[in-house]
Amino acid sequence: MVRRGIAFSPPMVAAVMAGNKTQTRRMVKQPPFKAEGCRNADMGGRNEWWDFWASNTKFLAIMAMGITYRFKLPYAVNDGLRVKEALFANNIQTSKGKLLAVHYGLDSKTVDAGEGEFAPWPWKPSKLAAMYCPQWASRTDLKVVAVRVERLLEITIEDAFAEGITLLPSGDFGLEGYNLSAATPVEAYFMLWDYINGKDAHKQNPWVAVYSFVPA
């Protein structure tokens, strides 16, 4: 099974590890045409506006107004996902000299690199963003079970929950670790999207790849 890295923020990692997050939406290169009002069809389905289908490769394709556009995606069904998360390192003085203890940003647990308590740290900064997390530091493996491409605003209540949105003690909906809450799960997800991608980013209704996954 192919195993590829995918980065998540600490709150997202926590949601994945808790089993609350089983889906993620990632921006794709936008098609060179507008398809306003277009909704996702079933795999192999067809309607008067467009059709949508998938092959065994990492491509999903749409057809709108006679124009075919293929989305090239980094992950496919049955791919393994290696969760990449933020790290930080502490200098530790020992009888053999100065070493680095590497920890996860989420919970400060020490990374087990298979070399005892200490791990290599070739980077100058003491903190490392999730996108740079090396393979030896990954502690969570996932498997992609479904892939589709759709407009962001097509997200359903069920999708929002799969994205990690939960009911907060206040009675509103949100995601622990982010200072946001809303009256509905979908509104909470749009707030999360805007927090990550910029003010009112969800209103642009971009095409996104939707990856569903389970623990590997």
Protein backbone atom coordinates (compact mmCIF):
# COMPACT_ATOMS: atom_id res chain seq x y z
CA MET A 1 0.00 0.00 0.00
CA VAL A 2 1.28 3.46 -0.94
CA ARG A 3 1.87 5.61 2.16
CA ARG A 4 1.78 9.36 1.71
CA GLY A 5 2.10 12.24 4.16
CA ILE A 6 -0.81 14.56 5.01
CA ALA A 7 -0.48 17.52 7.37
CA PHE A 8 -2.96 18.46 10.09
CA SER A 9 -2.98 21.19 12.74
CA PRO A 10 -2.77 20.06 16.41
CA PRO A 11 -6.57 20.36 16.98
CA MET A 12 -7.17 18.36 13.80
CA VAL A 13 -4.66 15.71 14.90
CA ALA A 14 -6.49 15.44 18.21
CA ALA A 15 -9.81 15.01 16.39
CA VAL A 16 -8.32 12.32 14.13
CA MET A 17 -6.79 10.44 17.06
CA ALA A 18 -10.08 10.63 18.98
CA GLY A 19 -11.97 9.23 15.98
CA ASN A 20 -14.04 12.41 15.59
CA LYS A 21 -12.50 13.37 12.24
CA THR A 22 -12.82 10.90 9.37
CA GLN A 23 -12.92 13.32 6.45
CA THR A 24 -10.87 16.21 5.11
CA ARG A 25 -11.39 18.76 2.35
CA ARG A 26 -8.42 20.06 0.40
CA MET A 27 -8.38 22.79 -2.24
CA VAL A 28 -7.76 21.66 -5.82
CA LYS A 29 -6.71 23.65 -8.86
CA GLN A 30 -9.87 25.40 -9.98
CA PRO A 31 -11.33 24.57 -13.44
CA PRO A 32 -10.95 27.21 -16.18
CA PHE A 33 -14.73 27.58 -16.45
CA LYS A 34 -17.61 28.50 -14.16
CA ALA A 35 -20.20 25.94 -13.20
CA GLU A 36 -22.43 27.89 -10.85
CA GLY A 37 -25.28 25.90 -9.37
CA CYS A 38 -23.64 22.66 -10.39
CA ARG A 39 -24.02 19.90 -7.81
CA ASN A 40 -22.13 16.69 -7.29
CA ALA A 41 -23.50 13.62 -9.07
CA ASP A 42 -23.03 10.01 -8.03
CA MET A 43 -19.99 8.17 -9.33
CA GLY A 44 -20.87 7.35 -12.90
CA GLY A 45 -24.05 9.41 -12.63
CA ARG A 46 -25.17 11.87 -15.27
CA ASN A 47 -27.53 14.80 -15.54
CA GLU A 48 -28.22 17.53 -18.07
CA TRP A 49 -25.60 19.87 -16.64
CA TRP A 50 -22.54 17.72 -16.14
CA ASP A 51 -21.25 14.29 -15.38
CA PHE A 52 -18.72 13.10 -12.87
CA TRP A 53 -16.70 9.92 -12.75
CA ALA A 54 -13.55 8.33 -11.33
CA SER A 55 -10.97 5.94 -12.71
CA ASN A 56 -8.34 3.77 -11.05
CA THR A 57 -5.83 6.59 -11.24
CA LYS A 58 -5.56 9.69 -9.07
CA PHE A 59 -7.79 11.66 -11.42
CA LEU A 60 -11.37 12.77 -11.06
CA ALA A 61 -13.01 14.47 -14.00
CA ILE A 62 -15.99 16.69 -14.66
CA MET A 63 -17.70 17.83 -17.83
CA ALA A 64 -19.49 21.16 -18.00
CA MET A 65 -20.82 22.80 -21.13
CA GLY A 66 -18.92 20.32 -23.26
CA ILE A 67 -15.58 21.06 -21.56
CA THR A 68 -13.83 18.22 -19.75
CA TYR A 69 -11.50 19.03 -16.88
CA ARG A 70 -9.45 16.51 -14.91
CA PHE A 71 -8.48 17.10 -11.31
CA LYS A 72 -5.11 15.58 -10.47
CA LEU A 73 -5.22 14.56 -6.82
CA PRO A 74 -2.40 13.59 -4.44
CA TYR A 75 -4.34 10.76 -2.78
CA ALA A 76 -6.44 7.87 -4.11
CA VAL A 77 -8.66 5.18 -2.61
CA ASN A 78 -6.59 2.57 -0.73
CA ASP A 79 -3.63 4.93 -0.29
CA GLY A 80 -2.13 4.96 3.18
CA LEU A 81 -1.86 8.33 4.91
CA ARG A 82 0.96 9.21 7.30
CA VAL A 83 -0.30 12.02 9.54
CA LYS A 84 2.19 14.87 9.74
CA GLU A 85 1.99 17.08 12.81
CA ALA A 86 3.85 19.97 14.41
CA LEU A 87 7.00 19.18 16.43
CA PHE A 88 9.34 20.98 18.77
CA ALA A 89 12.75 20.09 20.21
CA ASN A 90 14.44 20.75 23.56
CA ASN A 91 18.19 20.84 24.16
CA ILE A 92 19.27 18.35 26.81
CA GLN A 93 22.77 18.30 28.33
CA THR A 94 24.18 14.83 28.95
CA SER A 95 27.57 13.37 29.74
CA LYS A 96 27.99 12.80 25.99
CA GLY A 97 27.17 16.38 25.09
CA LYS A 98 24.07 18.27 23.99
CA LEU A 99 21.24 16.23 22.45
CA LEU A 100 17.73 17.05 21.31
CA ALA A 101 14.52 15.54 22.66
CA VAL A 102 11.77 15.86 20.02
CA HIS A 103 8.14 16.31 21.11
CA TYR A 104 4.73 16.54 19.47
CA GLY A 105 3.21 20.01 19.51
CA LEU A 106 -0.22 18.59 20.36
CA ASP A 107 0.54 16.94 23.70
CA SER A 108 4.33 17.36 24.26
CA LYS A 109 4.84 13.60 24.18
CA THR A 110 8.35 12.52 23.18
CA VAL A 111 8.74 11.22 19.64
CA ASP A 112 9.89 7.61 19.44
CA ALA A 113 12.27 7.57 16.51
CA GLY A 114 13.41 4.01 17.14
CA GLU A 115 16.68 5.27 18.53
CA GLY A 116 15.73 5.59 22.16
CA GLU A 117 14.73 8.88 23.73
CA PHE A 118 16.50 11.16 21.27
CA ALA A 119 15.97 11.77 17.57
CA PRO A 120 17.85 13.55 14.78
CA TRP A 121 17.03 17.24 14.32
CA PRO A 122 18.81 18.77 11.30
CA TRP A 123 16.73 21.97 11.36
CA LYS A 124 17.84 25.27 12.91
CA PRO A 125 14.47 26.32 14.43
CA SER A 126 13.33 24.59 17.60
CA LYS A 127 9.79 24.31 16.22
CA LEU A 128 8.75 22.51 13.03
CA ALA A 129 5.47 23.04 11.16
CA ALA A 130 3.37 19.97 10.38
CA MET A 131 4.11 20.11 6.64
CA TYR A 132 7.79 19.42 7.39
CA CYS A 133 7.19 16.52 9.80
CA PRO A 134 9.55 13.65 8.82
CA GLN A 135 8.35 10.11 8.33
CA TRP A 136 10.06 8.82 11.47
CA ALA A 137 8.02 11.23 13.61
CA SER A 138 4.59 10.15 12.33
CA ARG A 139 2.55 8.26 14.92
CA THR A 140 -0.84 7.96 13.18
CA ASP A 141 -1.61 5.94 10.04
CA LEU A 142 -4.83 6.20 8.04
CA LYS A 143 -6.29 4.60 4.91
CA VAL A 144 -8.25 6.47 2.23
CA VAL A 145 -11.62 4.77 1.64
CA ALA A 146 -13.39 7.31 -0.59
CA VAL A 147 -12.53 10.30 -2.78
CA ARG A 148 -14.76 12.79 -4.56
CA VAL A 149 -14.57 16.33 -5.92
CA GLU A 150 -17.32 18.87 -5.26
CA ARG A 151 -18.01 22.53 -4.44
CA LEU A 152 -17.30 23.54 -0.85
CA LEU A 153 -20.86 24.74 -0.21
CA GLU A 154 -22.19 21.24 -0.94
CA ILE A 155 -21.04 20.05 2.47
CA THR A 156 -23.81 18.36 4.48
CA ILE A 157 -24.44 18.17 8.22
CA GLU A 158 -23.08 14.61 8.17
CA ASP A 159 -19.95 15.83 6.36
CA ALA A 160 -19.42 18.60 8.91
CA PHE A 161 -19.48 16.08 11.74
CA ALA A 162 -17.09 13.84 9.76
CA GLU A 163 -14.78 16.87 9.48
CA GLY A 164 -14.50 16.92 13.28
CA ILE A 165 -17.18 19.44 14.19
CA THR A 166 -18.79 18.50 17.52
CA LEU A 167 -21.45 19.76 19.92
CA LEU A 168 -19.81 22.08 22.45
CA PRO A 169 -20.79 22.36 26.16
CA SER A 170 -22.34 25.74 25.29
CA GLY A 171 -24.86 24.04 23.01
CA ASP A 172 -23.27 25.48 19.89
CA PHE A 173 -21.10 23.61 17.39
CA GLY A 174 -17.36 23.94 16.88
CA LEU A 175 -14.01 22.18 17.07
CA GLU A 176 -11.96 21.98 20.25
CA GLY A 177 -8.74 23.93 19.92
CA TYR A 178 -10.29 26.63 17.76
CA ASN A 179 -12.04 29.66 19.22
CA LEU A 180 -15.18 29.40 17.13
CA SER A 181 -18.78 28.34 17.58
CA ALA A 182 -21.95 28.45 15.48
CA ALA A 183 -25.59 27.47 15.67
CA THR A 184 -25.23 24.65 13.11
CA PRO A 185 -22.47 22.15 12.24
CA VAL A 186 -22.19 23.46 8.67
CA GLU A 187 -21.87 27.08 9.80
CA ALA A 188 -19.17 25.99 12.26
CA TYR A 189 -17.28 24.27 9.44
CA PHE A 190 -17.44 27.40 7.28
CA MET A 191 -16.05 29.41 10.21
CA LEU A 192 -13.22 26.88 10.47
CA TRP A 193 -12.57 27.11 6.71
CA ASP A 194 -12.42 30.90 6.91
CA TYR A 195 -10.10 30.74 9.92
CA ILE A 196 -7.66 28.63 7.90
CA ASN A 197 -8.10 30.19 4.45
CA GLY A 198 -9.05 33.81 5.12
CA LYS A 199 -12.09 35.97 5.81
CA ASP A 200 -15.20 34.87 3.88
CA ALA A 201 -13.12 32.31 1.94
CA HIS A 202 -16.00 29.81 1.98
CA LYS A 203 -18.17 32.24 0.01
CA GLN A 204 -15.93 31.72 -3.01
CA ASN A 205 -17.33 28.17 -3.10
CA PRO A 206 -14.15 26.58 -4.48
CA TRP A 207 -13.84 23.07 -5.86
CA VAL A 208 -12.40 20.78 -3.19
CA ALA A 209 -11.27 17.18 -3.01
CA VAL A 210 -13.05 15.28 -0.23
CA TYR A 211 -11.06 12.43 1.29
CA SER A 212 -12.71 9.97 3.69
CA PHE A 213 -10.41 7.80 5.78
CA VAL A 214 -10.27 5.17 8.51
CA PRO A 215 -7.46 4.06 10.85
CA ALA A 216 -5.00 1.86 8.97
